[in-house]
Amino acid sequence: MVGAQKYMTGILNARILASVAMLVFVGAVVAGSTGAFFSDTETSTGNTFTAGALDLKVDSQSHFNGLVCRIGAQNEVNPGVLGWHHPTDDSLVGPEHFPQPGDPCTGTWAESDLIADSLAFRFFNFDDLKPGDEGENTISLHVLDNDAWGCFTVDNVVDSDVTCTEPESEDVDDLSCTPNGNVAVGELGAALTFDAWLDEGTTPGFQCNNPDVPATAGASCDADPEEGDNILNGVEQLFWDDETVDEASEGPFAMSNVLSTAYALHQCTDATGHTEYGLCHGLALDGRMVGSATYYWGLAWSIPGTAGNEIQTDSLTLDMIFEAVQHRNNPDFQCTPPEVRTTLTLAKTVIPAEQEPDSSYTLIADGAVTDLSGIEGSPAVFFAPVEPGVYALSESGGDPDPTSVTWSCTGNATPEVDNGNGTASVTVGPGENVVCVVENNYEAAPPPVGP
C-alpha cells in the first residue's frame, strides 16, 4: 500500500501542477485582451504633384481710317458679321469716306490661342492702300495663372515691289524699276511707319478685367475708361515712334523694358505688381507680366500723304510673334530671336494688266526641295519653307503663249540667271525670304529695226 500510495500521490501532484500551469496561461490571455497603450495616428492621403500652367491668349480689335472692325447691328441687313463701322454711329460716315460702313473687314477676334500660319489671325490685311491711309490695332495679352516674361518679335519681313507699273516705273528715283531691271526691294516698307504704346489709361496699371467685378470686363471699363481705348492720350508709354520695319528680323523686344519703365515713372511700390486691381496693378519692379492681368498694347500704322508713285503695287508682309515664358525660378531670362526660317515666294504678273491670266498654269521651283509647285491657277505661293540652295524656276501650262516671259527676284537673293526661255535659277541663302516673280508680257513685239 505504501508503494501504491506514492504512485497515486505522484499522479495527484502532476494534476495540480497541470492545473496551475493552465491558470497561468489563462491569466496571460486575460491580461492581453484588457490592457491599453497610448497611441496616435496621422494620415496624409492623396499626395499629388501637379505642374502649374502658363497660357498666353491674344485678342485684337482693328481700326482703319477712323472706323472699327466690329459686328454691326444684328438685323436683316447685317446679320452679325464683322464689318467696318463708326465707333458710335454709322450715320456720321459720309458717302465719300473709305471704307464704308458694312464693308467686310478682318483683324478683330475674341480672346484666343493664335494658330501659326492661319490667315484668320492677321492683325493687318489691307490690299488697296493709298497715301494718307492709317489704322491701329488694340492688342490684348492675357497671361493666365502665372507671372511670365513677355517678348514681342516682328519676323519674316518681306518688302517687295511685286510689279513695276506705270507711273511707278517712270519715277526717276526708283532704281529698282529701270527697264529690264530686277524687281527689287520695294519702297512701301520705308513709307509705312508704326507707333506702339502701352495702352494703360489715366490710372497707372491695369484695372479692367477684374474677375471679382463683372463691370470691369473688357477694355475702356468703368474703372479706367481710357485703358485700352485705342487712343494715344499722352499718358501711355510710347515705345515705337514712327518706326519702320525692314527685311531683317525686328526684335525681339522685351516687354519688361516697357513695363518696368512704367513702374518707375508711376512711382509704384508693390514690386510684385499684384495690387488686387488697384493702383499699379500689373506693373512689377522687374517688368514681369503679372498673372491674371490683361495688358493692352496699341499698334498704329500710317502712310504719309507725301508718299509718291514709287510705292504703287508694293507689298509688305511680316509675322508678329508674342511669347510668354515662366517667371518663377527664371530670373535671368532673356528674349531670344526665333528660329531662322528660309522661305521662297512665287508670284505671277501679267502685262498689260487687263490681260486675264489663264488658270491652267503652275509656278515651279525645283531644287533642294524637289518640285516646290504652286497651286494650279494661283497667282502666288507665299512663304513656302525651303532649304538654302539653288532653285530652277519655271512655269508650266498657260494659254495663250505670251510674247515674253521674264523672271526676277526680290529680297537678299543672289542675282538670278534668266535663261531667256521662261526659266531661271536663283540662289536662296540661309535665313533669306526671297520673292520671285514671273512676268508674262502679251504686248506685241516691236517691229525689227533697220531696212
Protein backbone atom coordinates (compact mmCIF):
# COMPACT_ATOMS: atom_id res chain seq x y z
CA MET A 1 0.00 0.00 0.00
CA VAL A 2 2.82 2.32 0.65
CA GLY A 3 4.10 1.92 -2.83
CA ALA A 4 0.66 2.48 -4.33
CA GLN A 5 0.11 5.49 -2.27
CA LYS A 6 3.28 7.05 -3.52
CA TYR A 7 2.17 6.30 -7.00
CA MET A 8 -1.22 7.97 -6.58
CA THR A 9 0.34 10.92 -4.80
CA GLY A 10 2.60 11.39 -7.73
CA ILE A 11 -0.35 11.45 -10.05
CA LEU A 12 -2.17 13.95 -7.90
CA ASN A 13 0.82 16.22 -7.79
CA ALA A 14 1.06 16.06 -11.50
CA ARG A 15 -2.55 17.13 -11.96
CA ILE A 16 -2.13 20.03 -9.57
CA LEU A 17 0.89 21.23 -11.50
CA ALA A 18 -1.01 20.98 -14.72
CA SER A 19 -3.88 22.94 -13.24
CA VAL A 20 -1.52 25.68 -12.10
CA ALA A 21 0.06 25.93 -15.49
CA MET A 22 -3.33 26.22 -17.12
CA LEU A 23 -4.29 29.05 -14.81
CA VAL A 24 -1.13 30.93 -15.61
CA PHE A 25 -1.84 30.59 -19.32
CA VAL A 26 -5.42 31.81 -18.97
CA GLY A 27 -4.23 34.71 -16.91
CA ALA A 28 -1.90 35.76 -19.72
CA VAL A 29 -4.76 35.75 -22.20
CA VAL A 30 -6.94 37.88 -19.97
CA ALA A 31 -4.16 40.40 -19.46
CA GLY A 32 -3.59 40.74 -23.22
CA SER A 33 -7.23 41.37 -24.06
CA THR A 34 -7.91 44.02 -21.47
CA GLY A 35 -4.67 46.02 -21.50
CA ALA A 36 -4.47 49.60 -23.22
CA PHE A 37 -1.47 51.53 -24.70
CA PHE A 38 -1.35 55.27 -25.66
CA SER A 39 -1.42 55.74 -29.43
CA ASP A 40 -1.89 58.47 -32.11
CA THR A 41 -2.30 58.07 -35.88
CA GLU A 42 -1.71 60.83 -38.51
CA THR A 43 -2.62 60.07 -42.16
CA SER A 44 -1.66 62.09 -45.29
CA THR A 45 -3.89 61.00 -48.15
CA GLY A 46 -3.65 61.60 -51.90
CA ASN A 47 -0.22 63.18 -52.14
CA THR A 48 0.00 64.76 -55.63
CA PHE A 49 2.50 66.66 -57.75
CA THR A 50 0.82 68.79 -60.44
CA ALA A 51 2.66 71.02 -62.88
CA GLY A 52 1.41 74.61 -63.00
CA ALA A 53 0.06 76.17 -66.16
CA LEU A 54 1.08 79.18 -68.19
CA ASP A 55 -1.19 80.22 -71.03
CA LEU A 56 -0.95 83.32 -73.22
CA LYS A 57 -4.09 84.35 -75.09
CA VAL A 58 -4.47 87.21 -77.54
CA ASP A 59 -7.40 89.24 -78.80
CA SER A 60 -7.46 92.11 -81.26
CA GLN A 61 -9.60 94.98 -82.48
CA SER A 62 -8.72 96.60 -85.80
CA HIS A 63 -9.24 100.23 -86.84
CA PHE A 64 -8.89 101.75 -90.31
CA ASN A 65 -9.35 105.39 -91.31
CA GLY A 66 -11.41 106.14 -88.21
CA LEU A 67 -13.69 103.10 -88.41
CA VAL A 68 -13.56 99.98 -86.24
CA CYS A 69 -13.85 96.36 -87.35
CA ARG A 70 -16.75 95.03 -85.31
CA ILE A 71 -20.11 93.32 -85.55
CA GLY A 72 -22.78 95.80 -86.56
CA ALA A 73 -26.45 95.82 -85.66
CA GLN A 74 -27.72 92.27 -85.90
CA ASN A 75 -30.72 92.69 -88.15
CA GLU A 76 -31.89 91.63 -91.59
CA VAL A 77 -29.38 93.91 -93.27
CA ASN A 78 -26.41 92.95 -91.11
CA PRO A 79 -26.82 89.50 -89.51
CA GLY A 80 -23.99 89.92 -87.02
CA VAL A 81 -20.98 89.77 -89.34
CA LEU A 82 -17.73 91.69 -88.98
CA GLY A 83 -17.62 94.94 -90.91
CA TRP A 84 -16.17 98.44 -90.75
CA HIS A 85 -18.35 100.69 -88.60
CA HIS A 86 -18.19 104.08 -86.95
CA PRO A 87 -17.31 103.66 -83.25
CA THR A 88 -20.71 105.03 -82.21
CA ASP A 89 -22.96 105.92 -85.16
CA ASP A 90 -22.63 104.80 -88.80
CA SER A 91 -24.75 107.75 -89.93
CA LEU A 92 -21.77 110.01 -89.18
CA VAL A 93 -19.81 108.42 -92.05
CA GLY A 94 -20.06 110.40 -95.28
CA PRO A 95 -20.51 108.79 -98.71
CA GLU A 96 -17.01 109.85 -99.76
CA HIS A 97 -15.34 108.06 -96.84
CA PHE A 98 -13.32 104.90 -97.36
CA PRO A 99 -14.20 102.33 -96.23
CA GLN A 100 -17.97 102.49 -95.97
CA PRO A 101 -19.94 101.05 -93.02
CA GLY A 102 -20.65 97.38 -93.58
CA ASP A 103 -17.65 96.76 -95.82
CA PRO A 104 -16.05 93.44 -94.80
CA CYS A 105 -13.03 93.55 -92.53
CA THR A 106 -10.54 91.38 -90.65
CA GLY A 107 -8.20 91.93 -87.71
CA THR A 108 -10.76 91.63 -84.90
CA TRP A 109 -11.25 88.48 -82.83
CA ALA A 110 -12.00 87.42 -79.26
CA GLU A 111 -9.51 86.04 -76.74
CA SER A 112 -7.82 83.10 -78.49
CA ASP A 113 -4.75 80.95 -78.87
CA LEU A 114 -3.23 82.08 -82.18
CA ILE A 115 -2.70 79.35 -84.76
CA ALA A 116 0.56 79.62 -86.70
CA ASP A 117 0.12 80.10 -90.45
CA SER A 118 -3.61 80.69 -90.01
CA LEU A 119 -4.91 83.66 -92.02
CA ALA A 120 -7.75 84.01 -89.53
CA PHE A 121 -5.40 85.71 -87.05
CA ARG A 122 -3.90 88.50 -89.16
CA PHE A 123 -3.74 91.83 -87.35
CA PHE A 124 -3.38 93.65 -90.69
CA ASN A 125 -4.84 92.66 -94.04
CA PHE A 126 -5.11 95.63 -96.41
CA ASP A 127 -4.77 95.29 -100.17
CA ASP A 128 -5.59 98.72 -101.63
CA LEU A 129 -3.71 101.27 -99.54
CA LYS A 130 -3.24 104.89 -100.58
CA PRO A 131 -1.13 107.78 -99.24
CA GLY A 132 -2.90 109.22 -96.20
CA ASP A 133 -4.38 105.91 -95.02
CA GLU A 134 -3.90 104.96 -91.38
CA GLY A 135 -5.02 102.32 -88.94
CA GLU A 136 -4.49 100.88 -85.48
CA ASN A 137 -4.84 97.60 -83.63
CA THR A 138 -5.54 97.30 -79.94
CA ILE A 139 -3.92 94.02 -78.95
CA SER A 140 -4.80 92.44 -75.61
CA LEU A 141 -2.45 89.94 -73.99
CA HIS A 142 -3.83 87.71 -71.22
CA VAL A 143 -1.32 85.77 -69.11
CA LEU A 144 -3.31 83.13 -67.28
CA ASP A 145 -2.43 81.55 -63.93
CA ASN A 146 1.24 82.56 -63.51
CA ASP A 147 3.59 85.52 -63.87
CA ALA A 148 5.63 85.48 -67.07
CA TRP A 149 8.28 87.28 -69.06
CA GLY A 150 6.91 88.71 -72.31
CA CYS A 151 8.63 89.01 -75.70
CA PHE A 152 7.45 90.55 -78.99
CA THR A 153 9.12 89.91 -82.35
CA VAL A 154 8.50 91.14 -85.89
CA ASP A 155 9.83 88.44 -88.18
CA ASN A 156 9.88 87.26 -91.80
CA VAL A 157 9.62 90.79 -93.18
CA VAL A 158 9.42 90.91 -96.98
CA ASP A 159 9.22 94.30 -98.71
CA SER A 160 8.60 93.65 -102.40
CA ASP A 161 7.99 95.82 -105.46
CA VAL A 162 5.91 92.94 -106.91
CA THR A 163 5.42 94.76 -110.24
CA CYS A 164 6.76 97.95 -111.77
CA THR A 165 3.63 99.56 -113.15
CA GLU A 166 3.39 102.91 -114.84
CA PRO A 167 3.76 105.58 -113.43
CA GLU A 168 5.90 103.86 -110.79
CA SER A 169 8.33 102.73 -113.48
CA GLU A 170 8.72 106.35 -114.61
CA ASP A 171 9.88 107.52 -111.18
CA VAL A 172 13.50 108.55 -111.70
CA ASP A 173 14.33 107.83 -108.07
CA ASP A 174 13.01 104.26 -108.24
CA LEU A 175 16.11 102.47 -109.49
CA SER A 176 14.50 99.07 -108.98
CA CYS A 177 12.13 99.75 -111.85
CA THR A 178 14.63 100.57 -114.57
CA PRO A 179 13.94 98.89 -117.94
CA ASN A 180 14.77 95.19 -117.89
CA GLY A 181 15.93 95.55 -114.29
CA ASN A 182 15.17 93.18 -111.46
CA VAL A 183 12.08 93.70 -109.34
CA ALA A 184 13.98 94.59 -106.20
CA VAL A 185 13.14 95.62 -102.65
CA GLY A 186 10.00 97.76 -102.53
CA GLU A 187 9.53 101.23 -101.11
CA LEU A 188 6.37 100.61 -99.08
CA GLY A 189 8.41 99.45 -96.09
CA ALA A 190 10.20 102.79 -95.91
CA ALA A 191 6.95 104.76 -96.23
CA LEU A 192 4.84 102.76 -93.77
CA THR A 193 5.60 103.79 -90.18
CA PHE A 194 4.45 102.35 -86.85
CA ASP A 195 3.74 103.76 -83.41
CA ALA A 196 3.36 101.40 -80.45
CA TRP A 197 2.45 102.07 -76.84
CA LEU A 198 1.35 100.51 -73.58
CA ASP A 199 -2.33 101.48 -73.56
CA GLU A 200 -2.83 102.00 -69.83
CA GLY A 201 -5.06 104.98 -69.27
CA THR A 202 -5.30 107.69 -66.64
CA THR A 203 -4.90 105.31 -63.70
CA PRO A 204 -1.47 103.63 -63.62
CA GLY A 205 -1.64 99.89 -64.20
CA PHE A 206 -4.47 97.72 -65.47
CA GLN A 207 -7.74 97.76 -63.56
CA CYS A 208 -10.00 96.33 -66.27
CA ASN A 209 -10.94 92.64 -66.28
CA ASN A 210 -11.05 92.18 -62.52
CA PRO A 211 -12.73 88.74 -62.18
CA ASP A 212 -14.43 89.81 -58.95
CA VAL A 213 -16.05 92.87 -60.56
CA PRO A 214 -18.06 91.96 -63.69
CA ALA A 215 -18.48 95.63 -64.62
CA THR A 216 -14.76 95.85 -65.41
CA ALA A 217 -14.88 93.24 -68.19
CA GLY A 218 -13.26 94.37 -71.44
CA ALA A 219 -11.28 97.42 -72.42
CA SER A 220 -12.25 101.00 -71.55
CA CYS A 221 -14.06 99.78 -68.44
CA ASP A 222 -15.62 101.96 -65.77
CA ALA A 223 -12.58 101.52 -63.54
CA ASP A 224 -10.45 103.38 -66.11
CA PRO A 225 -12.29 104.45 -69.30
CA GLU A 226 -9.06 105.38 -71.10
CA GLU A 227 -7.47 101.97 -70.60
CA GLY A 228 -7.41 100.07 -73.90
CA ASP A 229 -9.30 102.89 -75.65
CA ASN A 230 -7.20 102.72 -78.85
CA ILE A 231 -6.09 106.33 -78.37
CA LEU A 232 -2.64 107.63 -77.59
CA ASN A 233 -3.71 110.06 -74.86
CA GLY A 234 -0.27 111.17 -73.75
CA VAL A 235 -0.36 109.19 -70.50
CA GLU A 236 0.85 105.89 -72.02
CA GLN A 237 4.38 104.67 -72.58
CA LEU A 238 5.26 105.15 -76.28
CA PHE A 239 8.00 102.69 -77.24
CA TRP A 240 7.80 102.92 -81.05
CA ASP A 241 7.67 106.36 -82.61
CA ASP A 242 7.49 106.49 -86.43
CA GLU A 243 9.40 103.23 -86.68
CA THR A 244 9.77 101.24 -89.89
CA VAL A 245 10.44 97.55 -90.36
CA ASP A 246 12.93 96.12 -92.80
CA GLU A 247 13.88 92.74 -94.19
CA ALA A 248 15.89 91.87 -91.08
CA SER A 249 14.01 90.41 -88.14
CA GLU A 250 12.87 93.17 -85.77
CA GLY A 251 13.45 92.36 -82.15
CA PRO A 252 12.78 90.51 -80.07
CA PHE A 253 11.59 93.30 -77.81
CA ALA A 254 11.46 92.55 -74.10
CA MET A 255 8.13 93.77 -72.74
CA SER A 256 9.82 94.01 -69.35
CA ASN A 257 11.65 97.14 -70.55
CA VAL A 258 8.37 98.98 -71.09
CA LEU A 259 6.60 97.61 -68.02
CA SER A 260 9.48 98.30 -65.63
CA THR A 261 9.77 101.85 -67.02
CA ALA A 262 6.06 102.41 -66.33
CA TYR A 263 6.58 101.05 -62.79
CA ALA A 264 9.32 103.61 -62.17
CA LEU A 265 7.54 106.58 -63.79
CA HIS A 266 4.36 105.96 -61.80
CA GLN A 267 6.35 105.51 -58.56
CA CYS A 268 4.66 102.17 -57.91
CA THR A 269 5.51 100.49 -54.60
CA ASP A 270 4.45 96.81 -54.87
CA ALA A 271 7.39 95.07 -56.52
CA THR A 272 5.25 92.06 -57.50
CA GLY A 273 2.62 94.06 -59.37
CA HIS A 274 -0.22 92.26 -57.57
CA THR A 275 -2.34 95.06 -56.06
CA GLU A 276 -5.78 93.41 -56.31
CA TYR A 277 -6.58 95.52 -59.39
CA GLY A 278 -5.82 98.73 -57.56
CA LEU A 279 -3.23 101.36 -58.37
CA CYS A 280 -0.31 99.97 -60.45
CA HIS A 281 -1.84 96.50 -60.83
CA GLY A 282 0.19 94.57 -63.41
CA LEU A 283 3.27 96.79 -63.10
CA ALA A 284 6.13 94.97 -61.36
CA LEU A 285 9.58 96.24 -60.48
CA ASP A 286 11.33 93.76 -62.80
CA GLY A 287 8.83 94.22 -65.64
CA ARG A 288 7.22 90.77 -65.49
CA MET A 289 3.71 90.25 -66.85
CA VAL A 290 1.51 89.61 -63.82
CA GLY A 291 -0.71 86.56 -63.95
CA SER A 292 -4.42 87.43 -64.37
CA ALA A 293 -3.69 90.96 -65.63
CA THR A 294 -4.86 91.93 -69.13
CA TYR A 295 -2.34 94.10 -70.95
CA TYR A 296 -3.44 96.43 -73.74
CA TRP A 297 -0.95 97.42 -76.41
CA GLY A 298 -1.71 99.91 -79.17
CA LEU A 299 -0.04 99.42 -82.57
CA ALA A 300 -0.77 102.14 -85.13
CA TRP A 301 0.41 102.46 -88.73
CA SER A 302 0.19 105.20 -91.33
CA ILE A 303 1.25 106.08 -94.87
CA PRO A 304 2.06 109.79 -95.16
CA GLY A 305 0.21 111.82 -97.74
CA THR A 306 3.58 112.74 -99.19
CA ALA A 307 4.27 109.15 -100.33
CA GLY A 308 4.74 109.06 -104.09
CA ASN A 309 4.19 106.77 -107.03
CA GLU A 310 7.13 104.58 -106.07
CA ILE A 311 5.00 102.62 -103.55
CA GLN A 312 2.40 101.53 -106.13
CA THR A 313 1.73 97.76 -106.11
CA ASP A 314 4.43 97.31 -103.43
CA SER A 315 3.74 94.68 -100.79
CA LEU A 316 4.93 94.49 -97.18
CA THR A 317 4.33 91.25 -95.30
CA LEU A 318 5.50 90.26 -91.83
CA ASP A 319 4.90 87.91 -88.90
CA MET A 320 4.15 89.11 -85.37
CA ILE A 321 5.21 86.74 -82.58
CA PHE A 322 4.19 87.03 -78.91
CA GLU A 323 5.87 84.84 -76.31
CA ALA A 324 5.32 84.27 -72.58
CA VAL A 325 7.95 82.42 -70.52
CA GLN A 326 7.76 81.25 -66.89
CA HIS A 327 8.93 83.90 -64.42
CA ARG A 328 9.34 81.90 -61.20
CA ASN A 329 12.80 80.34 -60.78
CA ASN A 330 13.81 82.03 -64.03
CA PRO A 331 15.24 85.42 -63.02
CA ASP A 332 17.86 85.69 -65.79
CA PHE A 333 15.59 85.07 -68.78
CA GLN A 334 16.43 86.95 -71.98
CA CYS A 335 14.25 87.21 -75.08
CA THR A 336 15.97 85.40 -77.93
CA PRO A 337 15.32 85.60 -81.70
CA PRO A 338 13.00 82.95 -83.17
CA GLU A 339 14.28 80.10 -85.23
CA VAL A 340 15.58 81.39 -88.55
CA ARG A 341 13.32 80.41 -91.43
CA THR A 342 14.26 80.27 -95.10
CA THR A 343 11.33 80.87 -97.43
CA LEU A 344 10.61 81.28 -101.12
CA THR A 345 7.55 83.05 -102.55
CA LEU A 346 6.48 82.58 -106.17
CA ALA A 347 4.22 85.13 -107.88
CA LYS A 348 2.99 85.95 -111.35
CA THR A 349 2.17 89.24 -113.06
CA VAL A 350 0.69 89.88 -116.49
CA ILE A 351 1.25 92.79 -118.91
CA PRO A 352 -0.96 94.50 -119.92
CA ALA A 353 -2.96 94.42 -116.71
CA GLU A 354 -6.26 93.81 -118.49
CA GLN A 355 -4.90 90.55 -119.92
CA GLU A 356 -6.50 87.80 -117.85
CA PRO A 357 -4.03 85.04 -116.92
CA ASP A 358 -5.11 81.55 -117.86
CA SER A 359 -5.95 79.32 -114.88
CA SER A 360 -4.07 76.29 -116.16
CA TYR A 361 -0.57 77.48 -115.28
CA THR A 362 1.57 76.29 -112.36
CA LEU A 363 4.63 78.04 -110.88
CA ILE A 364 7.51 75.71 -110.05
CA ALA A 365 10.78 75.97 -108.08
CA ASP A 366 12.89 72.82 -108.39
CA GLY A 367 15.93 72.46 -106.16
CA ALA A 368 16.82 71.49 -102.61
CA VAL A 369 13.11 70.92 -102.09
CA THR A 370 12.16 68.97 -105.20
CA ASP A 371 9.35 70.44 -107.27
CA LEU A 372 8.01 73.15 -104.99
CA SER A 373 4.90 73.72 -107.10
CA GLY A 374 2.20 76.28 -106.69
CA ILE A 375 -1.49 75.52 -106.74
CA GLU A 376 -2.73 75.46 -110.29
CA GLY A 377 -4.05 78.84 -111.32
CA SER A 378 -2.94 80.57 -108.13
CA PRO A 379 -1.23 83.95 -108.63
CA ALA A 380 1.23 83.30 -105.81
CA VAL A 381 2.69 80.78 -103.38
CA PHE A 382 3.53 82.66 -100.18
CA PHE A 383 6.46 81.95 -97.87
CA ALA A 384 6.99 78.31 -98.71
CA PRO A 385 9.67 76.97 -96.30
CA VAL A 386 12.70 75.76 -98.25
CA GLU A 387 16.24 74.62 -97.65
CA PRO A 388 19.03 77.01 -98.68
CA GLY A 389 20.31 76.28 -102.16
CA VAL A 390 19.84 76.84 -105.88
CA TYR A 391 16.34 76.61 -107.38
CA ALA A 392 15.32 76.30 -111.01
CA LEU A 393 12.26 78.47 -111.68
CA SER A 394 9.73 77.70 -114.38
CA GLU A 395 6.08 77.93 -115.31
CA SER A 396 4.05 75.14 -116.80
CA GLY A 397 0.86 75.49 -118.81
CA GLY A 398 -0.79 78.77 -119.60
CA ASP A 399 -2.63 79.78 -122.74
CA PRO A 400 -2.15 81.71 -124.90
CA ASP A 401 1.63 81.86 -125.06
CA PRO A 402 2.96 85.27 -124.00
CA THR A 403 5.26 87.37 -126.15
CA SER A 404 7.95 87.13 -123.48
CA VAL A 405 8.44 85.53 -120.07
CA THR A 406 10.82 87.08 -117.57
CA TRP A 407 11.70 86.01 -114.02
CA SER A 408 13.01 88.45 -111.39
CA CYS A 409 13.57 88.17 -107.65
CA THR A 410 13.45 90.41 -104.59
CA GLY A 411 14.91 90.18 -101.16
CA ASN A 412 18.50 89.26 -100.42
CA ALA A 413 18.73 86.60 -103.13
CA THR A 414 21.85 86.15 -105.17
CA PRO A 415 21.02 87.70 -108.60
CA GLU A 416 19.23 85.13 -110.67
CA VAL A 417 20.10 83.98 -114.15
CA ASP A 418 17.25 84.28 -116.66
CA ASN A 419 17.74 81.72 -119.39
CA GLY A 420 15.62 83.65 -121.87
CA ASN A 421 13.22 80.77 -122.40
CA GLY A 422 10.86 81.27 -119.49
CA THR A 423 13.11 79.62 -116.91
CA ALA A 424 15.61 81.00 -114.44
CA SER A 425 17.69 79.98 -111.45
CA VAL A 426 18.03 81.67 -108.07
CA THR A 427 20.25 81.05 -105.05
CA VAL A 428 18.46 81.28 -101.70
CA GLY A 429 20.74 81.76 -98.70
CA PRO A 430 20.10 80.65 -95.09
CA GLY A 431 17.50 82.79 -93.37
CA GLU A 432 16.53 84.66 -96.53
CA ASN A 433 12.93 85.35 -97.52
CA VAL A 434 13.04 85.54 -101.30
CA VAL A 435 10.20 86.59 -103.63
CA CYS A 436 10.44 85.59 -107.30
CA VAL A 437 8.01 86.98 -109.85
CA VAL A 438 7.42 85.73 -113.38
CA GLU A 439 6.21 88.37 -115.82
CA ASN A 440 4.09 87.24 -118.77
CA ASN A 441 4.12 90.01 -121.37
CA TYR A 442 1.39 89.81 -124.01
CA GLU A 443 2.18 93.11 -125.73
CA ALA A 444 3.14 92.85 -129.37
CA ALA A 445 6.86 92.66 -130.05
CA PRO A 446 8.30 95.86 -131.54
CA PRO A 447 8.96 95.77 -135.29
CA PRO A 448 12.53 94.99 -136.31
CA VAL A 449 14.87 97.91 -136.64
CA GLY A 450 16.55 98.59 -139.99
CA PRO A 451 15.78 98.11 -143.67
